[in-house]
N, C-alpha and C. Protein backbone atom coordinates (compact mmCIF):
# COMPACT_ATOMS: atom_id res chain seq x y z
N MET A 1 94.47 70.51 19.30
CA MET A 1 94.75 70.13 19.24
C MET A 1 94.35 69.45 20.36
N HIS A 2 95.39 68.86 20.66
CA HIS A 2 96.07 68.23 21.87
C HIS A 2 96.34 68.42 23.17
N GLU A 3 96.40 70.13 23.41
CA GLU A 3 95.56 71.03 24.41
C GLU A 3 94.12 70.79 24.54
N ARG A 4 93.72 70.25 23.42
CA ARG A 4 91.38 70.57 23.54
C ARG A 4 91.23 68.68 24.29
N ALA A 5 92.37 67.70 23.84
CA ALA A 5 91.98 67.25 23.74
C ALA A 5 92.39 66.77 25.60
N ALA A 6 93.83 67.21 25.94
CA ALA A 6 93.59 67.76 27.21
C ALA A 6 92.95 67.48 28.56
N ALA A 7 92.49 68.96 27.62
CA ALA A 7 91.02 69.11 28.56
C ALA A 7 90.13 68.61 28.88
N ALA A 8 89.73 68.16 27.92
CA ALA A 8 88.32 66.96 28.59
C ALA A 8 89.13 66.01 28.78
N ALA A 9 90.21 65.58 28.96
CA ALA A 9 90.60 64.58 29.95
C ALA A 9 90.32 65.01 31.51
N ARG A 10 90.45 66.26 31.44
CA ARG A 10 90.66 66.73 33.09
C ARG A 10 89.76 66.20 33.77
N GLY A 11 88.86 66.63 32.48
CA GLY A 11 87.42 67.12 33.28
C GLY A 11 86.84 65.43 33.62
N THR A 12 87.23 64.31 33.12
CA THR A 12 86.10 63.50 33.55
C THR A 12 87.38 62.53 34.67
N SER A 13 88.47 63.26 35.08
CA SER A 13 89.03 62.25 36.30
C SER A 13 87.80 63.19 37.94
N CYS A 14 88.50 62.79 38.94
CA CYS A 14 87.49 63.80 40.03
C CYS A 14 86.44 64.21 39.36
N GLY A 15 86.53 65.70 40.32
CA GLY A 15 85.85 66.03 40.53
C GLY A 15 84.17 65.80 39.28
N GLY A 16 84.73 66.15 38.45
CA GLY A 16 84.02 65.77 37.28
C GLY A 16 83.64 64.81 37.51
N GLY A 17 84.16 63.95 36.88
CA GLY A 17 83.46 62.15 37.20
C GLY A 17 82.23 62.47 38.34
N ARG A 18 82.73 62.10 39.52
CA ARG A 18 81.59 62.91 40.42
C ARG A 18 80.37 63.30 40.06
N LEU A 19 80.91 64.50 39.50
CA LEU A 19 79.41 65.41 38.26
C LEU A 19 78.77 64.21 38.16
N VAL A 20 79.00 64.29 36.65
CA VAL A 20 78.80 62.61 36.01
C VAL A 20 77.80 62.14 36.99
N ARG A 21 77.61 61.22 37.61
CA ARG A 21 77.71 60.04 39.40
C ARG A 21 76.59 60.46 39.50
N SER A 22 76.72 61.83 39.82
CA SER A 22 75.55 61.85 40.29
C SER A 22 74.38 62.35 39.98
N LEU A 23 74.47 62.28 37.93
CA LEU A 23 72.90 62.48 37.00
C LEU A 23 72.56 61.98 37.51
N ALA A 24 72.65 60.71 38.00
CA ALA A 24 70.55 59.47 38.68
C ALA A 24 70.48 60.76 39.37
N GLY A 25 70.89 61.46 40.52
CA GLY A 25 68.98 62.23 40.87
C GLY A 25 67.98 63.11 39.91
N GLY A 26 67.44 63.38 40.76
CA GLY A 26 65.78 63.66 40.66
C GLY A 26 66.21 65.26 39.70
N VAL A 27 65.73 65.19 38.87
CA VAL A 27 65.46 66.74 37.53
C VAL A 27 65.72 68.05 38.27
N HIS A 28 65.40 68.37 38.84
CA HIS A 28 65.98 69.86 39.71
C HIS A 28 66.88 70.05 40.83
N GLU A 29 67.24 68.78 41.38
CA GLU A 29 68.66 68.43 41.89
C GLU A 29 69.46 68.79 40.99
N VAL A 30 69.27 68.38 39.95
CA VAL A 30 70.21 68.18 38.86
C VAL A 30 70.81 69.52 38.01
N ALA A 31 69.41 69.77 37.80
CA ALA A 31 69.24 70.79 37.27
C ALA A 31 70.46 72.86 38.22
N ARG A 32 69.51 72.20 39.05
CA ARG A 32 70.31 73.83 39.98
C ARG A 32 72.04 72.71 40.19
N SER A 33 72.36 71.68 40.63
CA SER A 33 73.74 71.29 40.37
C SER A 33 73.99 71.79 39.56
N LEU A 34 73.46 71.62 37.60
CA LEU A 34 74.65 72.16 36.90
C LEU A 34 75.04 73.78 36.28
N LEU A 35 74.03 74.39 36.60
CA LEU A 35 75.10 75.64 37.18
C LEU A 35 75.60 75.93 37.59
N GLY A 36 76.76 76.51 36.74
CA GLY A 36 78.44 76.86 37.41
C GLY A 36 79.13 75.27 37.29
N ALA A 37 78.50 75.00 36.45
CA ALA A 37 79.25 73.61 35.90
C ALA A 37 80.21 73.85 34.58
N THR A 38 81.04 73.38 34.70
CA THR A 38 81.79 73.91 32.68
C THR A 38 81.17 72.47 31.91
N LEU A 39 81.07 72.91 30.47
CA LEU A 39 80.86 71.97 29.68
C LEU A 39 82.30 71.94 28.87
N LEU A 40 82.21 71.34 28.27
CA LEU A 40 83.35 71.40 27.29
C LEU A 40 83.50 69.79 26.45
N VAL A 41 83.80 70.20 25.23
CA VAL A 41 83.60 69.49 23.50
C VAL A 41 84.49 69.45 23.13
N ASP A 42 85.81 68.39 23.09
CA ASP A 42 87.07 68.71 22.40
C ASP A 42 88.12 69.75 23.09
N GLY A 43 87.50 70.08 24.17
CA GLY A 43 88.14 72.06 24.60
C GLY A 43 87.97 72.74 24.53
N VAL A 44 87.10 72.96 24.29
CA VAL A 44 85.95 74.20 23.48
C VAL A 44 84.01 73.80 24.30
N GLY A 45 84.17 74.91 25.35
CA GLY A 45 82.52 74.92 25.96
C GLY A 45 83.17 76.19 26.92
N GLY A 46 81.82 76.61 28.04
CA GLY A 46 81.75 77.00 29.07
C GLY A 46 81.40 76.80 30.46
N THR A 47 81.07 78.07 31.42
CA THR A 47 79.97 77.64 32.25
C THR A 47 78.79 77.86 32.07
N ILE A 48 78.17 76.70 32.65
CA ILE A 48 76.48 76.00 32.45
C ILE A 48 76.20 77.49 33.19
N VAL A 49 75.11 78.35 32.72
CA VAL A 49 74.24 79.62 32.79
C VAL A 49 72.57 79.47 33.32
N GLU A 50 72.55 78.62 32.32
CA GLU A 50 70.82 77.94 32.05
C GLU A 50 70.48 76.95 31.33
N VAL A 51 69.61 76.57 32.22
CA VAL A 51 68.69 74.87 32.10
C VAL A 51 67.26 75.28 31.73
N GLU A 52 67.10 74.36 31.57
CA GLU A 52 65.37 73.74 32.20
C GLU A 52 64.95 72.91 32.65
N ALA A 53 64.84 72.59 33.32
CA ALA A 53 64.80 70.68 34.31
C ALA A 53 63.06 70.20 32.85
N TYR A 54 63.29 68.82 33.26
CA TYR A 54 62.29 68.56 31.35
C TYR A 54 61.41 67.43 32.62
N ALA A 55 60.88 66.94 33.21
CA ALA A 55 60.56 65.40 33.87
C ALA A 55 59.36 64.12 33.62
N PRO A 56 59.07 63.14 33.79
CA PRO A 56 58.31 62.53 32.99
C PRO A 56 57.05 63.31 33.00
N ASP A 57 56.63 63.59 33.71
CA ASP A 57 54.99 63.95 33.72
C ASP A 57 55.20 65.11 33.66
N ASP A 58 55.50 65.78 32.90
CA ASP A 58 55.69 67.21 32.48
C ASP A 58 55.31 67.07 30.66
N PRO A 59 54.22 67.95 30.71
CA PRO A 59 53.53 67.67 29.56
C PRO A 59 53.96 69.02 29.19
N ALA A 60 55.44 69.83 29.03
CA ALA A 60 56.23 69.77 28.42
C ALA A 60 57.01 68.90 27.46
N SER A 61 57.47 68.46 27.55
CA SER A 61 58.54 66.56 27.69
C SER A 61 58.31 66.12 26.93
N HIS A 62 59.44 66.07 26.89
CA HIS A 62 58.59 64.83 25.26
C HIS A 62 59.20 62.86 25.77
N SER A 63 59.59 63.33 26.54
CA SER A 63 59.44 61.86 27.36
C SER A 63 57.56 61.79 28.35
N PHE A 64 56.14 62.12 27.76
CA PHE A 64 55.45 62.87 28.64
C PHE A 64 54.00 61.72 27.79
N ARG A 65 54.77 61.98 26.77
CA ARG A 65 54.04 60.18 25.64
C ARG A 65 54.69 58.75 25.41
N GLY A 66 55.53 58.87 26.46
CA GLY A 66 56.28 57.02 26.79
C GLY A 66 58.22 57.54 26.02
N PRO A 67 58.35 56.22 25.97
CA PRO A 67 59.61 56.30 24.09
C PRO A 67 59.64 56.36 23.33
N SER A 68 59.95 56.58 22.59
CA SER A 68 59.31 56.38 20.91
C SER A 68 61.38 56.36 20.56
N ALA A 69 61.67 55.98 18.94
CA ALA A 69 62.35 56.45 18.29
C ALA A 69 63.42 57.46 18.41
N ARG A 70 62.96 58.45 18.33
CA ARG A 70 62.99 60.21 18.80
C ARG A 70 63.51 60.45 20.29
N ASN A 71 63.44 59.88 21.07
CA ASN A 71 63.34 60.30 22.46
C ASN A 71 64.21 59.47 23.45
N ALA A 72 64.34 58.11 22.43
CA ALA A 72 65.44 57.42 22.70
C ALA A 72 66.46 56.80 24.01
N ALA A 73 67.15 57.96 23.57
CA ALA A 73 68.53 58.82 24.40
C ALA A 73 67.49 59.07 25.72
N MET A 74 66.39 59.90 25.74
CA MET A 74 66.52 60.63 27.49
C MET A 74 66.09 59.08 28.35
N PHE A 75 65.51 58.41 27.67
CA PHE A 75 64.55 56.43 28.88
C PHE A 75 66.09 56.62 28.67
N GLY A 76 67.40 56.58 28.34
CA GLY A 76 68.67 55.64 29.07
C GLY A 76 68.54 55.95 30.35
N PRO A 77 70.44 55.81 30.12
CA PRO A 77 70.72 55.65 30.99
C PRO A 77 71.48 57.69 31.73
N PRO A 78 72.20 58.30 33.06
CA PRO A 78 72.07 58.76 33.25
C PRO A 78 73.35 59.56 32.66
N GLY A 79 73.30 60.63 32.10
CA GLY A 79 75.02 61.48 32.05
C GLY A 79 75.17 60.98 30.83
N ARG A 80 74.25 61.35 29.87
CA ARG A 80 74.87 60.44 28.37
C ARG A 80 73.30 62.11 28.40
N LEU A 81 73.71 62.10 26.67
CA LEU A 81 73.25 62.96 26.15
C LEU A 81 71.78 63.14 25.71
N TYR A 82 71.04 63.98 25.55
CA TYR A 82 69.82 63.04 24.84
C TYR A 82 69.23 65.50 22.99
N VAL A 83 70.69 64.79 22.17
CA VAL A 83 70.34 65.78 21.66
C VAL A 83 68.83 66.23 20.17
N TYR A 84 67.82 66.54 20.07
CA TYR A 84 67.33 66.29 18.72
C TYR A 84 67.28 68.03 18.24
N ARG A 85 66.45 67.76 17.08
CA ARG A 85 66.32 68.74 16.01
C ARG A 85 64.72 69.93 16.24
N SER A 86 65.12 71.09 16.98
CA SER A 86 64.13 72.20 17.17
C SER A 86 63.94 72.93 16.00
N TYR A 87 61.59 72.56 15.73
CA TYR A 87 61.49 73.29 14.73
C TYR A 87 62.54 73.03 12.98
N GLY A 88 63.12 71.79 13.01
CA GLY A 88 64.01 71.66 12.37
C GLY A 88 64.78 71.70 11.91
N ILE A 89 65.78 72.79 13.05
CA ILE A 89 66.33 73.75 12.06
C ILE A 89 68.37 73.43 12.74
N HIS A 90 67.81 74.04 14.51
CA HIS A 90 68.90 73.73 15.49
C HIS A 90 68.00 72.75 16.72
N TRP A 91 69.83 72.18 16.88
CA TRP A 91 69.74 70.73 17.75
C TRP A 91 69.95 71.44 18.56
N CYS A 92 69.34 70.25 19.78
CA CYS A 92 69.61 71.46 20.72
C CYS A 92 69.82 70.00 21.95
N ALA A 93 71.05 70.99 23.20
CA ALA A 93 71.75 68.84 24.16
C ALA A 93 71.07 69.40 25.61
N ASN A 94 70.74 67.90 24.95
CA ASN A 94 70.56 67.76 27.29
C ASN A 94 70.44 66.78 27.77
N ILE A 95 70.62 66.96 29.27
CA ILE A 95 71.27 66.21 30.49
C ILE A 95 71.20 65.15 30.49
N VAL A 96 70.79 64.20 30.42
CA VAL A 96 69.29 63.21 31.87
C VAL A 96 70.09 63.00 32.63
N CYS A 97 68.77 63.10 32.65
CA CYS A 97 69.73 62.39 34.57
C CYS A 97 68.11 61.26 34.91
N GLU A 98 68.16 61.12 36.81
CA GLU A 98 67.71 60.19 36.61
C GLU A 98 67.95 58.87 36.19
N PRO A 99 67.09 57.87 36.73
CA PRO A 99 67.72 56.67 36.71
C PRO A 99 67.14 55.90 35.06
N GLU A 100 67.56 55.24 35.18
CA GLU A 100 67.71 54.11 34.16
C GLU A 100 66.04 53.83 33.53
N GLY A 101 65.19 54.70 31.97
CA GLY A 101 63.68 54.29 32.25
C GLY A 101 62.92 55.11 32.47
N VAL A 102 63.24 56.46 34.14
CA VAL A 102 62.52 57.61 33.94
C VAL A 102 62.28 58.38 33.07
N GLY A 103 63.17 58.70 31.87
CA GLY A 103 62.70 59.49 31.72
C GLY A 103 62.72 60.94 31.32
N ALA A 104 63.46 61.71 32.03
CA ALA A 104 64.21 62.98 32.77
C ALA A 104 65.27 63.67 32.11
N ALA A 105 65.63 65.81 31.20
CA ALA A 105 66.78 65.64 31.11
C ALA A 105 66.42 66.95 31.85
N VAL A 106 67.95 67.76 31.37
CA VAL A 106 67.60 68.94 31.46
C VAL A 106 68.49 69.34 30.69
N LEU A 107 67.86 70.60 29.89
CA LEU A 107 67.86 71.40 28.42
C LEU A 107 69.90 72.15 29.54
N ILE A 108 70.46 72.65 28.53
CA ILE A 108 71.42 73.92 28.42
C ILE A 108 70.91 74.02 27.89
N ARG A 109 70.63 75.63 28.24
CA ARG A 109 70.07 77.16 26.87
C ARG A 109 70.97 78.02 27.26
N ALA A 110 71.79 77.36 28.03
CA ALA A 110 72.84 78.26 27.77
C ALA A 110 74.00 78.13 28.85
N LEU A 111 75.40 79.19 27.99
CA LEU A 111 77.73 78.61 28.55
C LEU A 111 77.79 79.90 28.39
N GLN A 112 78.19 80.57 28.61
CA GLN A 112 79.46 81.46 29.48
C GLN A 112 80.51 81.08 28.39
N PRO A 113 80.98 81.51 27.46
CA PRO A 113 82.12 81.24 26.77
C PRO A 113 83.05 80.94 27.25
N THR A 114 84.10 79.96 28.22
CA THR A 114 85.49 79.82 28.75
C THR A 114 86.86 79.82 27.62
N HIS A 115 86.28 78.38 26.33
CA HIS A 115 87.15 78.03 26.17
C HIS A 115 86.84 77.90 25.01
N GLY A 116 88.77 78.90 24.26
CA GLY A 116 87.90 77.84 22.46
C GLY A 116 86.86 78.84 21.65
N VAL A 117 86.84 80.18 22.60
CA VAL A 117 86.28 81.14 22.17
C VAL A 117 86.58 82.04 20.59
N GLU A 118 87.73 81.55 20.60
CA GLU A 118 87.46 81.62 18.58
C GLU A 118 87.30 80.56 17.62
N THR A 119 87.30 79.48 18.09
CA THR A 119 86.93 78.85 17.50
C THR A 119 85.27 78.79 16.80
N MET A 120 84.36 78.99 18.11
CA MET A 120 83.68 78.90 18.20
C MET A 120 82.48 80.46 17.70
N ARG A 121 82.86 81.36 17.48
CA ARG A 121 83.84 82.97 16.57
C ARG A 121 83.01 81.28 14.93
N GLU A 122 84.01 80.89 14.79
CA GLU A 122 84.46 80.63 13.84
C GLU A 122 83.57 79.58 13.38
N ARG A 123 82.76 78.89 14.02
CA ARG A 123 81.31 78.42 13.36
C ARG A 123 80.18 79.19 13.21
N ARG A 124 80.28 80.02 14.26
CA ARG A 124 78.87 80.75 14.57
C ARG A 124 78.37 81.57 13.57
N GLY A 125 80.44 82.50 12.58
CA GLY A 125 80.11 82.97 11.62
C GLY A 125 79.82 85.12 12.97
N VAL A 126 80.55 85.07 14.26
CA VAL A 126 79.73 85.72 14.75
C VAL A 126 81.31 86.29 15.79
N ASP A 127 81.23 87.96 15.79
CA ASP A 127 82.32 88.10 16.99
C ASP A 127 81.70 88.62 17.99
N ASP A 128 80.54 88.85 18.28
CA ASP A 128 80.22 89.07 19.72
C ASP A 128 79.93 88.17 20.09
N VAL A 129 80.60 87.33 21.24
CA VAL A 129 80.01 86.52 22.96
C VAL A 129 79.59 86.66 22.76
N GLY A 130 78.72 87.71 23.42
CA GLY A 130 78.02 87.49 23.46
C GLY A 130 76.56 86.69 22.29
N LEU A 131 76.22 86.58 21.90
CA LEU A 131 75.70 85.41 21.34
C LEU A 131 76.05 84.19 21.06
N LEU A 132 76.61 84.03 20.84
CA LEU A 132 78.21 82.38 20.97
C LEU A 132 77.08 81.50 21.36
N CYS A 133 76.28 81.55 22.23
CA CYS A 133 76.70 80.88 23.59
C CYS A 133 75.04 81.15 24.09
N SER A 134 74.99 81.85 23.81
CA SER A 134 73.50 83.05 24.49
C SER A 134 71.29 81.50 23.96
N GLY A 135 71.50 80.68 24.28
CA GLY A 135 70.89 79.64 23.39
C GLY A 135 70.93 78.81 22.98
N PRO A 136 70.15 77.93 23.55
CA PRO A 136 70.34 76.01 22.79
C PRO A 136 71.01 75.50 21.75
N GLY A 137 70.33 76.80 20.93
CA GLY A 137 70.98 76.65 18.79
C GLY A 137 71.92 76.63 18.85
N ARG A 138 71.86 78.28 20.02
CA ARG A 138 73.60 79.03 19.35
C ARG A 138 74.54 77.59 20.36
N LEU A 139 74.73 77.35 21.12
CA LEU A 139 75.76 77.18 22.13
C LEU A 139 76.04 74.77 21.33
N THR A 140 75.11 74.73 20.73
CA THR A 140 75.15 73.23 19.84
C THR A 140 76.07 73.91 18.71
N GLN A 141 75.94 75.00 18.48
CA GLN A 141 76.54 75.47 16.70
C GLN A 141 77.96 75.42 17.13
N ALA A 142 77.64 76.24 18.79
CA ALA A 142 78.79 76.61 18.75
C ALA A 142 80.09 75.24 19.07
N LEU A 143 79.56 74.11 20.13
CA LEU A 143 80.37 73.03 20.51
C LEU A 143 80.92 72.13 19.43
N ALA A 144 79.50 72.45 18.54
CA ALA A 144 79.84 71.43 17.42
C ALA A 144 79.06 70.15 17.59
N ILE A 145 77.74 70.42 18.45
CA ILE A 145 76.72 69.03 18.78
C ILE A 145 75.87 69.28 17.93
N THR A 146 75.72 67.98 18.07
CA THR A 146 74.31 67.67 16.46
C THR A 146 73.62 66.16 16.75
N GLY A 147 73.16 66.15 15.88
CA GLY A 147 72.45 64.77 16.97
C GLY A 147 73.17 63.32 16.16
N ALA A 148 74.56 63.18 16.07
CA ALA A 148 75.65 62.01 15.95
C ALA A 148 76.24 62.30 17.35
N HIS A 149 75.81 63.44 18.27
CA HIS A 149 75.91 62.98 19.95
C HIS A 149 74.30 61.85 20.04
N ASP A 150 73.96 61.61 19.88
CA ASP A 150 72.32 61.49 21.03
C ASP A 150 72.97 60.25 22.15
N GLY A 151 72.76 60.70 22.29
CA GLY A 151 73.73 59.71 23.57
C GLY A 151 74.76 58.90 23.76
N ALA A 152 75.25 60.25 23.60
CA ALA A 152 76.58 60.26 23.86
C ALA A 152 76.88 59.90 25.22
N ARG A 153 77.72 59.84 26.26
CA ARG A 153 78.79 59.78 28.05
C ARG A 153 79.37 60.99 27.74
N LEU A 154 78.87 61.44 28.89
CA LEU A 154 79.44 62.81 29.22
C LEU A 154 80.61 62.99 29.61
N ASP A 155 81.11 61.58 30.07
CA ASP A 155 81.76 60.42 30.72
C ASP A 155 82.95 60.71 29.89
N ARG A 156 83.13 59.86 28.73
CA ARG A 156 83.79 60.19 27.80
C ARG A 156 84.18 61.54 26.77
N PRO A 157 84.99 61.47 26.27
CA PRO A 157 85.57 62.61 25.15
C PRO A 157 84.83 62.14 23.89
N PRO A 158 84.52 63.06 23.76
CA PRO A 158 84.75 64.12 23.46
C PRO A 158 84.37 65.45 24.20
N PHE A 159 83.48 64.70 24.84
CA PHE A 159 82.99 65.32 26.17
C PHE A 159 84.20 66.04 26.93
N ALA A 160 83.63 66.69 28.72
CA ALA A 160 84.39 66.74 29.47
C ALA A 160 82.69 67.60 30.67
N LEU A 161 83.03 67.45 31.38
CA LEU A 161 82.07 68.47 32.55
C LEU A 161 82.62 68.35 33.77
N GLN A 162 83.15 69.72 33.92
CA GLN A 162 83.42 70.26 35.33
C GLN A 162 82.91 70.92 36.29
N PRO A 163 82.67 70.21 37.40
CA PRO A 163 81.90 70.63 38.30
C PRO A 163 82.10 71.80 38.96
N PRO A 164 80.58 73.02 39.38
CA PRO A 164 81.85 74.72 39.58
C PRO A 164 82.30 74.52 41.06
N ALA A 165 82.65 75.30 40.84
CA ALA A 165 84.09 75.95 42.18
C ALA A 165 83.65 76.40 43.04
N GLY A 166 82.09 76.69 43.14
CA GLY A 166 81.73 77.96 44.25
C GLY A 166 80.45 76.59 44.65
N THR A 167 79.87 77.65 45.46
CA THR A 167 78.01 78.00 45.02
C THR A 167 77.39 78.39 45.15
N ALA A 168 76.32 78.68 43.21
CA ALA A 168 75.99 79.20 42.61
C ALA A 168 74.98 79.50 43.82
N ASP A 169 74.38 81.02 42.93
CA ASP A 169 73.06 81.71 43.65
C ASP A 169 71.94 82.12 42.50
N ILE A 170 71.21 80.60 42.55
CA ILE A 170 70.63 80.44 41.63
C ILE A 170 69.22 81.39 41.62
N ALA A 171 68.64 81.43 40.33
CA ALA A 171 66.70 82.02 40.34
C ALA A 171 66.21 81.12 39.34
N ALA A 172 65.29 80.51 40.48
CA ALA A 172 64.10 79.67 39.30
C ALA A 172 62.70 81.16 38.20
N THR A 173 62.57 80.37 36.96
CA THR A 173 62.51 80.97 36.09
C THR A 173 60.79 80.49 35.56
N ALA A 174 59.58 81.01 34.43
CA ALA A 174 58.84 80.24 33.74
C ALA A 174 59.78 79.80 32.54
N ARG A 175 59.78 78.45 32.29
CA ARG A 175 60.50 78.17 30.54
C ARG A 175 60.18 78.71 29.63
N VAL A 176 61.06 79.13 29.06
CA VAL A 176 61.22 79.21 27.48
C VAL A 176 60.95 78.55 26.47
N GLY A 177 59.59 79.61 25.49
CA GLY A 177 58.65 78.67 24.19
C GLY A 177 58.51 77.56 24.24
N ILE A 178 57.41 77.41 25.06
CA ILE A 178 56.29 76.62 26.20
C ILE A 178 55.37 76.87 25.80
N THR A 179 53.62 75.71 25.20
CA THR A 179 52.80 75.98 26.07
C THR A 179 52.83 75.59 27.14
N SER A 180 52.25 73.65 26.54
CA SER A 180 51.48 73.05 27.96
C SER A 180 53.02 73.06 29.17
N GLY A 181 52.55 72.95 30.36
CA GLY A 181 53.44 74.20 31.80
C GLY A 181 54.59 74.89 31.73
N ALA A 182 53.43 76.02 30.84
CA ALA A 182 54.22 77.46 31.21
C ALA A 182 54.36 78.10 32.22
N ASP A 183 53.30 77.92 32.56
CA ASP A 183 53.34 78.60 34.18
C ASP A 183 54.27 78.05 35.53
N LEU A 184 55.60 76.74 35.19
CA LEU A 184 55.61 75.74 35.83
C LEU A 184 57.18 76.62 36.04
N PRO A 185 58.10 76.90 37.35
CA PRO A 185 58.78 77.82 37.95
C PRO A 185 59.53 76.97 37.51
N TRP A 186 60.58 75.83 36.23
CA TRP A 186 61.16 74.83 35.84
C TRP A 186 62.68 75.57 35.21
N ARG A 187 62.56 76.29 35.06
CA ARG A 187 63.86 77.42 33.81
C ARG A 187 64.84 77.24 35.48
N TYR A 188 66.88 77.30 35.71
CA TYR A 188 66.87 77.66 36.63
C TYR A 188 68.10 78.49 34.87
N VAL A 189 68.32 80.16 35.96
CA VAL A 189 69.42 80.35 36.34
C VAL A 189 70.43 81.38 36.61
N LEU A 190 71.64 81.33 36.82
CA LEU A 190 72.62 82.38 37.82
C LEU A 190 72.36 83.08 38.01
N ARG A 191 71.97 83.68 39.04
CA ARG A 191 71.28 85.14 39.37
C ARG A 191 72.60 85.70 38.50
N GLY A 192 71.63 86.94 38.20
CA GLY A 192 72.90 88.07 37.64
C GLY A 192 74.58 87.58 36.46
N SER A 193 73.83 86.63 35.85
CA SER A 193 74.91 86.29 34.64
C SER A 193 73.87 86.82 33.40
N SER A 194 74.96 87.89 32.39
CA SER A 194 75.11 88.64 31.92
C SER A 194 75.53 87.26 30.07
N TRP A 195 74.84 86.64 30.41
CA TRP A 195 75.09 85.84 29.33
C TRP A 195 74.05 84.82 28.77
N LEU A 196 72.53 85.05 29.21
CA LEU A 196 71.77 84.12 29.31
C LEU A 196 70.74 84.81 28.14
N SER A 197 70.52 83.40 28.02
CA SER A 197 69.64 84.20 26.30
C SER A 197 68.41 84.51 26.24
N ARG A 198 67.25 84.62 25.51
CA ARG A 198 65.91 85.22 25.57
C ARG A 198 65.20 85.26 26.44
N GLY A 199 64.89 84.32 27.02
CA GLY A 199 64.20 84.76 28.79
C GLY A 199 63.87 84.80 29.68
N PRO A 200 62.85 85.16 30.02
CA PRO A 200 62.45 86.32 31.79
C PRO A 200 63.82 86.89 31.91
N ARG A 201 64.69 88.15 32.76
CA ARG A 201 65.36 87.70 33.48
C ARG A 201 64.83 88.19 35.67
N PRO A 202 65.46 87.39 35.64
CA PRO A 202 65.73 87.31 37.29
C PRO A 202 65.51 88.48 38.02
N ALA A 203 64.64 89.21 38.60
CA ALA A 203 64.31 89.80 39.99
C ALA A 203 66.27 89.44 40.75
């Protein structure tokens, strides 16, 4: 546990702090900047390989009809989590971006597991590392993210967000599992990654 705490602390300093501060930018810019970044919760997590952008004027976004008790965190300060339960089953983790009051966020759809893989296996109840974080519900279970983290700051423990090591090769496709705005290419992935969810594979 001490090693995990130390890893989380490292992620909130220097480059990690700059990345969190940059989340006040536009949702598409932020979505692309998150690819290749490392998300850790108590030292458990991995590299972000797939995200989806949800803008305030987006009919598929929870913020489209304005703020409510459920989506309040989405209208809060950037650099915080917006966590909701999908279909009453799975938690989904979104990173709030753009200035406070706008209502924009980036859904984290998949990670490449890099830290605490055995812990993730225990939480998910599967051995196949490819099934640990390849989907928004899977990754929240693997990282133990729940509704209790709604509104949590990414620059404070137990969270750490570390910047990408280099320039990412990014592809854009349609988002997954929505009807409104289904034609918009607002799903961003690391091209060639073998850790993506069930969505369309870019050329």
